[in-house]
Amino acid sequence: MNTHRRPPDTFAPVSKPEPAFQLRSPAKINVFLEVHGKRDDGFHELETVMLRTNLYDVLRFEATTCDALRVRLADYSLPALTATFPLDDSNLILRAARALRERTQTRHGAVITVNKQIPAEAGLAGGSSNAATTLLGLNRLWGLNLTKQTLHETAASLGSDINFFVEECQSALCTGRGEQVAPIQTSGCFHFVAAQPGSGNSTPEVFRQLEFADVTDRRRIQSTIQALQRGSTAHLQVASFNRLTQAAQQLNPEIAELMHKMKQMTDRAVFMSGSGSTCYIMARNQREAGRLKARLQHLNCRWLGALNVR
């Protein structure tokens, strides 16, 4: 047994801060999502398998000489982007920065510039990823040297998907309301072709629409994990499941229509990530993913992309 005790966080800078740097903030995709009911705290008890993809935003962190916290977009020329990316107190980046300052009682400032690539309201956790990357980035920018446990505790106070990105693992089984993260050792590379319909989804609205039913067979989630461990796309395609799909389709008929068209055009099973609205199919390799993406180019969708998990 390891009896070494971790020294407590000092909540003060203990290393030389860096003046500026940038970090990738990756999107996730859910290959399994079961909901076990509503908790006393108002959240839902989840069991989900998340994968970190090669789609990412880029966050640039710059130190300031004052205690101001500022978030800005790298490109303000895209109206659709500025409309879905708030710069007020509702922004998860600002909330994460302020939570970190409150926890550590520091008064550092920062300018965080975001180059957005992850679509909003897509079930890809762009906001949660940005929040986690902010915790990791400011811990480094301000020279705090906080432990991963402290960052996880701060992340859990902000949202349900953030802890997955704080863990910095390639894939994980996430339970509780999503904040309990158990990394999964994956083999090989997994390829997906994903599309987002014209309108996005509100996660709270999807959960309100959800009608609880008998939970999936326990063997199904084990099969999902084993498929990832073995690097088997074929087995993953059989095992994957998302309890929120029907609720999301009822709330947003564009999802049902997109999934139907994707199946017709590719003859593949179609899945949904998170609470939607992104739908995806699986490919055996990168070349096939390219062919499938080309086949879907004429879909009337907001966003289309080939994702991989290595």
Protein backbone atom coordinates (compact mmCIF):
# COMPACT_ATOMS: atom_id res chain seq x y z
CA MET A 1 0.00 0.00 0.00
CA ASN A 2 1.21 3.49 -0.81
CA THR A 3 1.39 5.33 2.51
CA HIS A 4 2.83 8.55 1.08
CA ARG A 5 0.55 11.43 1.98
CA ARG A 6 -0.04 14.21 -0.48
CA PRO A 7 0.98 17.63 0.87
CA PRO A 8 -1.97 20.02 1.10
CA ASP A 9 -2.44 22.80 -1.41
CA THR A 10 -0.95 26.04 -0.17
CA PHE A 11 -3.29 28.20 -2.28
CA ALA A 12 -0.42 30.51 -3.11
CA PRO A 13 1.92 30.78 -6.13
CA VAL A 14 4.84 28.41 -5.63
CA SER A 15 6.35 28.47 -9.12
CA LYS A 16 7.20 31.20 -11.59
CA PRO A 17 4.11 32.14 -13.63
CA GLU A 18 4.28 32.13 -17.41
CA PRO A 19 3.37 35.39 -19.20
CA ALA A 20 1.38 33.76 -22.06
CA PHE A 21 0.67 30.40 -23.70
CA GLN A 22 -2.19 28.54 -25.39
CA LEU A 23 -3.91 25.21 -24.72
CA ARG A 24 -6.23 23.00 -26.74
CA SER A 25 -9.72 22.55 -25.38
CA PRO A 26 -11.09 19.31 -26.89
CA ALA A 27 -14.65 18.22 -27.66
CA LYS A 28 -16.03 14.95 -26.30
CA ILE A 29 -18.35 12.39 -27.77
CA ASN A 30 -20.57 10.02 -25.78
CA VAL A 31 -20.64 6.40 -26.93
CA PHE A 32 -22.81 5.31 -24.01
CA LEU A 33 -25.22 7.28 -21.83
CA GLU A 34 -27.72 5.88 -19.35
CA VAL A 35 -29.82 7.90 -16.91
CA HIS A 36 -30.72 6.17 -13.65
CA GLY A 37 -33.12 8.75 -12.26
CA LYS A 38 -33.23 12.13 -10.60
CA ARG A 39 -31.13 12.86 -7.52
CA ASP A 40 -32.07 14.81 -4.41
CA ASP A 41 -29.83 17.68 -5.55
CA GLY A 42 -31.85 18.10 -8.75
CA PHE A 43 -29.25 16.52 -11.03
CA HIS A 44 -29.63 13.12 -12.70
CA GLU A 45 -27.68 9.98 -11.86
CA LEU A 46 -25.66 9.17 -14.97
CA GLU A 47 -23.52 6.40 -16.33
CA THR A 48 -21.75 7.54 -19.47
CA VAL A 49 -18.65 6.73 -21.49
CA MET A 50 -16.94 9.78 -22.98
CA LEU A 51 -14.15 10.00 -25.53
CA ARG A 52 -11.84 12.96 -26.10
CA THR A 53 -11.77 13.85 -29.80
CA ASN A 54 -9.42 15.70 -32.13
CA LEU A 55 -11.89 18.58 -32.53
CA TYR A 56 -10.85 21.42 -30.25
CA ASP A 57 -11.02 25.11 -29.42
CA VAL A 58 -7.80 26.95 -28.62
CA LEU A 59 -7.58 29.09 -25.49
CA ARG A 60 -4.76 31.62 -25.15
CA PHE A 61 -3.90 32.73 -21.61
CA GLU A 62 -2.15 36.04 -20.97
CA ALA A 63 -1.15 37.46 -17.61
CA THR A 64 -2.19 41.01 -16.72
CA THR A 65 -0.79 43.62 -14.35
CA CYS A 66 -4.20 44.07 -12.70
CA ASP A 67 -6.81 41.72 -11.26
CA ALA A 68 -9.25 42.02 -14.17
CA LEU A 69 -10.57 38.85 -15.83
CA ARG A 70 -11.47 39.20 -19.49
CA VAL A 71 -12.67 36.71 -22.11
CA ARG A 72 -12.65 37.59 -25.79
CA LEU A 73 -13.12 35.82 -29.10
CA ALA A 74 -10.28 35.51 -31.57
CA ASP A 75 -12.72 36.24 -34.41
CA TYR A 76 -15.72 38.53 -34.02
CA SER A 77 -16.60 38.43 -37.70
CA LEU A 78 -18.86 35.38 -37.41
CA PRO A 79 -22.35 36.48 -36.24
CA ALA A 80 -23.52 32.93 -35.55
CA LEU A 81 -20.54 32.42 -33.24
CA THR A 82 -20.86 35.66 -31.31
CA ALA A 83 -24.58 35.00 -30.82
CA THR A 84 -23.93 31.64 -29.08
CA PHE A 85 -20.84 32.64 -27.10
CA PRO A 86 -21.76 34.96 -24.21
CA LEU A 87 -19.10 37.26 -22.82
CA ASP A 88 -20.99 38.05 -19.61
CA ASP A 89 -21.08 36.29 -16.24
CA SER A 90 -22.88 33.29 -17.74
CA ASN A 91 -19.70 32.32 -19.61
CA LEU A 92 -18.25 29.15 -18.08
CA ILE A 93 -14.70 30.39 -18.65
CA LEU A 94 -15.29 33.42 -16.43
CA ARG A 95 -17.14 31.31 -13.87
CA ALA A 96 -14.24 28.84 -13.73
CA ALA A 97 -11.68 31.65 -13.36
CA ARG A 98 -13.63 33.29 -10.55
CA ALA A 99 -14.20 29.97 -8.78
CA LEU A 100 -10.46 29.31 -8.88
CA ARG A 101 -9.67 32.76 -7.48
CA GLU A 102 -12.26 32.37 -4.74
CA ARG A 103 -10.92 28.96 -3.76
CA THR A 104 -7.30 30.11 -3.63
CA GLN A 105 -7.95 33.66 -2.40
CA THR A 106 -5.65 35.05 -5.09
CA ARG A 107 -6.22 38.28 -7.00
CA HIS A 108 -4.49 37.46 -10.28
CA GLY A 109 -5.94 38.68 -13.54
CA ALA A 110 -5.91 37.22 -17.03
CA VAL A 111 -7.01 37.78 -20.59
CA ILE A 112 -8.33 34.58 -22.18
CA THR A 113 -8.74 34.59 -25.95
CA VAL A 114 -10.90 31.82 -27.43
CA ASN A 115 -10.62 30.47 -30.96
CA LYS A 116 -13.89 28.56 -31.26
CA GLN A 117 -14.21 25.46 -33.44
CA ILE A 118 -16.59 23.32 -31.35
CA PRO A 119 -20.22 24.09 -32.26
CA ALA A 120 -22.56 25.26 -29.51
CA GLU A 121 -25.57 23.30 -28.20
CA ALA A 122 -24.14 20.23 -29.88
CA GLY A 123 -23.68 17.68 -27.09
CA LEU A 124 -19.90 17.95 -27.57
CA ALA A 125 -19.29 19.80 -24.28
CA GLY A 126 -17.52 22.80 -25.76
CA GLY A 127 -18.42 24.98 -22.78
CA SER A 128 -17.44 22.36 -20.21
CA SER A 129 -14.17 21.73 -22.00
CA ASN A 130 -13.42 25.47 -22.04
CA ALA A 131 -14.09 25.63 -18.29
CA ALA A 132 -11.78 22.70 -17.55
CA THR A 133 -9.05 24.13 -19.80
CA THR A 134 -9.42 27.43 -17.94
CA LEU A 135 -8.81 25.70 -14.59
CA LEU A 136 -5.75 23.92 -15.99
CA GLY A 137 -4.50 27.02 -17.79
CA LEU A 138 -4.88 29.47 -14.91
CA ASN A 139 -3.31 26.99 -12.49
CA ARG A 140 -0.27 27.18 -14.78
CA LEU A 141 -0.50 30.89 -15.67
CA TRP A 142 -0.72 31.95 -12.04
CA GLY A 143 1.84 29.40 -10.81
CA LEU A 144 -0.59 27.94 -8.25
CA ASN A 145 0.58 24.30 -8.47
CA LEU A 146 -2.79 23.03 -7.30
CA THR A 147 -3.29 19.29 -7.16
CA LYS A 148 -5.54 17.47 -9.58
CA GLN A 149 -7.85 16.71 -6.64
CA THR A 150 -8.35 20.42 -5.94
CA LEU A 151 -9.01 21.12 -9.62
CA HIS A 152 -11.55 18.28 -9.66
CA GLU A 153 -13.33 19.71 -6.61
CA THR A 154 -13.51 23.12 -8.26
CA ALA A 155 -14.70 21.58 -11.53
CA ALA A 156 -17.48 19.64 -9.78
CA SER A 157 -18.85 22.89 -8.37
CA LEU A 158 -19.28 24.28 -11.90
CA GLY A 159 -20.90 21.50 -13.96
CA SER A 160 -21.19 17.82 -14.76
CA ASP A 161 -18.88 17.23 -17.76
CA ILE A 162 -15.99 19.42 -16.64
CA ASN A 163 -14.24 16.76 -14.54
CA PHE A 164 -13.73 14.52 -17.57
CA PHE A 165 -11.57 17.19 -19.20
CA VAL A 166 -9.72 17.99 -15.97
CA GLU A 167 -8.68 14.33 -15.80
CA GLU A 168 -7.01 14.73 -19.24
CA CYS A 169 -7.66 11.10 -20.16
CA GLN A 170 -8.56 9.79 -23.61
CA SER A 171 -11.72 8.01 -22.49
CA ALA A 172 -13.52 7.40 -19.24
CA LEU A 173 -16.58 5.99 -17.51
CA CYS A 174 -18.24 8.94 -15.78
CA THR A 175 -20.80 8.36 -13.03
CA GLY A 176 -22.63 10.31 -10.34
CA ARG A 177 -23.86 13.39 -12.18
CA GLY A 178 -20.80 12.99 -14.42
CA GLU A 179 -18.17 14.27 -11.99
CA GLN A 180 -16.81 10.84 -10.97
CA VAL A 181 -14.25 9.87 -13.62
CA ALA A 182 -12.72 6.42 -14.11
CA PRO A 183 -10.29 6.45 -17.07
CA ILE A 184 -10.50 3.65 -19.64
CA GLN A 185 -7.39 2.42 -21.42
CA THR A 186 -8.34 2.35 -25.10
CA SER A 187 -6.57 0.57 -27.95
CA GLY A 188 -6.16 1.71 -31.53
CA CYS A 189 -8.03 4.61 -33.08
CA PHE A 190 -11.77 5.24 -33.41
CA HIS A 191 -13.25 7.29 -36.24
CA PHE A 192 -16.60 9.12 -36.39
CA VAL A 193 -18.43 11.29 -38.89
CA ALA A 194 -20.62 13.78 -37.03
CA ALA A 195 -23.27 16.26 -38.13
CA GLN A 196 -25.31 18.89 -36.35
CA PRO A 197 -28.80 19.92 -37.51
CA GLY A 198 -29.83 23.51 -37.98
CA SER A 199 -30.97 24.00 -34.40
CA GLY A 200 -29.27 22.99 -31.16
CA ASN A 201 -30.59 21.54 -27.92
CA SER A 202 -30.97 22.82 -24.39
CA THR A 203 -29.69 20.12 -22.03
CA PRO A 204 -32.17 20.96 -19.21
CA GLU A 205 -35.05 20.82 -21.67
CA VAL A 206 -33.98 17.38 -22.95
CA PHE A 207 -33.83 16.01 -19.40
CA ARG A 208 -37.27 17.46 -18.64
CA GLN A 209 -38.58 15.64 -21.72
CA LEU A 210 -37.06 12.32 -20.62
CA GLU A 211 -39.40 9.51 -19.65
CA PHE A 212 -37.71 6.94 -17.46
CA ALA A 213 -37.86 3.30 -18.43
CA ASP A 214 -36.11 0.11 -17.51
CA VAL A 215 -32.36 0.64 -17.58
CA THR A 216 -30.23 -1.08 -20.17
CA ASP A 217 -28.72 -4.47 -19.59
CA ARG A 218 -25.56 -4.09 -17.46
CA ARG A 219 -23.71 -6.17 -20.03
CA ARG A 220 -24.15 -3.40 -22.59
CA ILE A 221 -21.96 -0.86 -20.84
CA GLN A 222 -19.39 -3.54 -20.14
CA SER A 223 -19.41 -4.38 -23.85
CA THR A 224 -18.86 -0.70 -24.65
CA ILE A 225 -15.83 -0.52 -22.37
CA GLN A 226 -14.43 -3.79 -23.70
CA ALA A 227 -14.84 -2.59 -27.30
CA LEU A 228 -12.75 0.49 -26.45
CA GLN A 229 -10.13 -1.60 -24.67
CA ARG A 230 -9.87 -3.98 -27.65
CA GLY A 231 -9.97 -1.25 -30.28
CA SER A 232 -13.03 -2.80 -31.94
CA THR A 233 -15.24 -0.36 -33.85
CA ALA A 234 -17.58 -3.20 -34.87
CA HIS A 235 -18.28 -4.15 -31.25
CA LEU A 236 -18.55 -0.52 -30.19
CA GLN A 237 -21.20 0.07 -32.84
CA VAL A 238 -23.28 -2.79 -31.46
CA ALA A 239 -22.92 -1.78 -27.81
CA SER A 240 -23.36 2.01 -28.03
CA PHE A 241 -26.51 3.54 -26.52
CA ASN A 242 -27.91 6.92 -25.51
CA ARG A 243 -30.98 7.10 -23.28
CA LEU A 244 -31.56 10.78 -24.20
CA THR A 245 -32.02 10.15 -27.93
CA GLN A 246 -35.80 9.78 -27.95
CA ALA A 247 -36.34 12.78 -25.67
CA ALA A 248 -34.05 14.90 -27.84
CA GLN A 249 -35.83 13.82 -31.02
CA GLN A 250 -39.21 14.73 -29.54
CA LEU A 251 -37.93 18.13 -28.47
CA ASN A 252 -36.08 18.77 -31.72
CA PRO A 253 -37.56 16.96 -34.78
CA GLU A 254 -34.56 18.06 -36.84
CA ILE A 255 -32.49 15.48 -34.95
CA ALA A 256 -34.84 12.65 -35.92
CA GLU A 257 -34.80 13.83 -39.53
CA LEU A 258 -31.01 14.11 -39.62
CA MET A 259 -30.50 10.67 -38.08
CA HIS A 260 -32.91 9.15 -40.60
CA LYS A 261 -31.12 10.77 -43.54
CA MET A 262 -27.67 9.75 -42.26
CA LYS A 263 -28.80 6.13 -41.97
CA GLN A 264 -30.33 6.20 -45.46
CA MET A 265 -27.22 7.70 -47.04
CA THR A 266 -24.64 5.50 -45.31
CA ASP A 267 -26.50 2.33 -44.24
CA ARG A 268 -24.90 2.75 -40.79
CA ALA A 269 -26.33 2.91 -37.30
CA VAL A 270 -26.63 6.54 -36.19
CA PHE A 271 -26.09 7.73 -32.62
CA MET A 272 -26.42 11.00 -30.73
CA SER A 273 -23.80 12.57 -28.46
CA GLY A 274 -24.85 13.77 -25.01
CA SER A 275 -28.17 15.60 -25.03
CA GLY A 276 -27.71 16.45 -28.71
CA SER A 277 -27.94 17.84 -31.19
CA THR A 278 -24.85 16.23 -32.80
CA CYS A 279 -25.49 12.87 -34.50
CA TYR A 280 -22.74 10.53 -35.63
CA ILE A 281 -21.84 7.31 -37.39
CA MET A 282 -18.74 5.17 -36.92
CA ALA A 283 -16.10 4.36 -39.54
CA ARG A 284 -13.55 1.56 -39.62
CA ASN A 285 -10.62 3.83 -40.49
CA GLN A 286 -9.72 7.36 -41.54
CA ARG A 287 -10.10 6.65 -45.26
CA GLU A 288 -13.60 5.29 -44.80
CA ALA A 289 -14.48 8.26 -42.58
CA GLY A 290 -13.46 10.56 -45.44
CA ARG A 291 -15.66 8.67 -47.88
CA LEU A 292 -18.64 8.72 -45.54
CA LYS A 293 -18.20 12.43 -44.86
CA ALA A 294 -18.12 13.11 -48.60
CA ARG A 295 -21.36 11.13 -48.95
CA LEU A 296 -23.01 13.37 -46.35
CA GLN A 297 -21.79 16.68 -47.78
CA HIS A 298 -25.18 17.51 -49.25
CA LEU A 299 -26.99 17.20 -45.95
CA ASN A 300 -28.73 20.39 -44.88
CA CYS A 301 -26.91 20.71 -41.56
CA ARG A 302 -25.18 23.40 -39.53
CA TRP A 303 -21.92 21.51 -39.10
CA LEU A 304 -20.32 18.34 -40.51
CA GLY A 305 -16.97 16.90 -39.47
CA ALA A 306 -14.79 13.79 -39.22
CA LEU A 307 -13.62 13.12 -35.67
CA ASN A 308 -11.13 10.63 -34.34
CA VAL A 309 -10.04 9.35 -30.94
CA ARG A 310 -6.50 8.06 -30.64
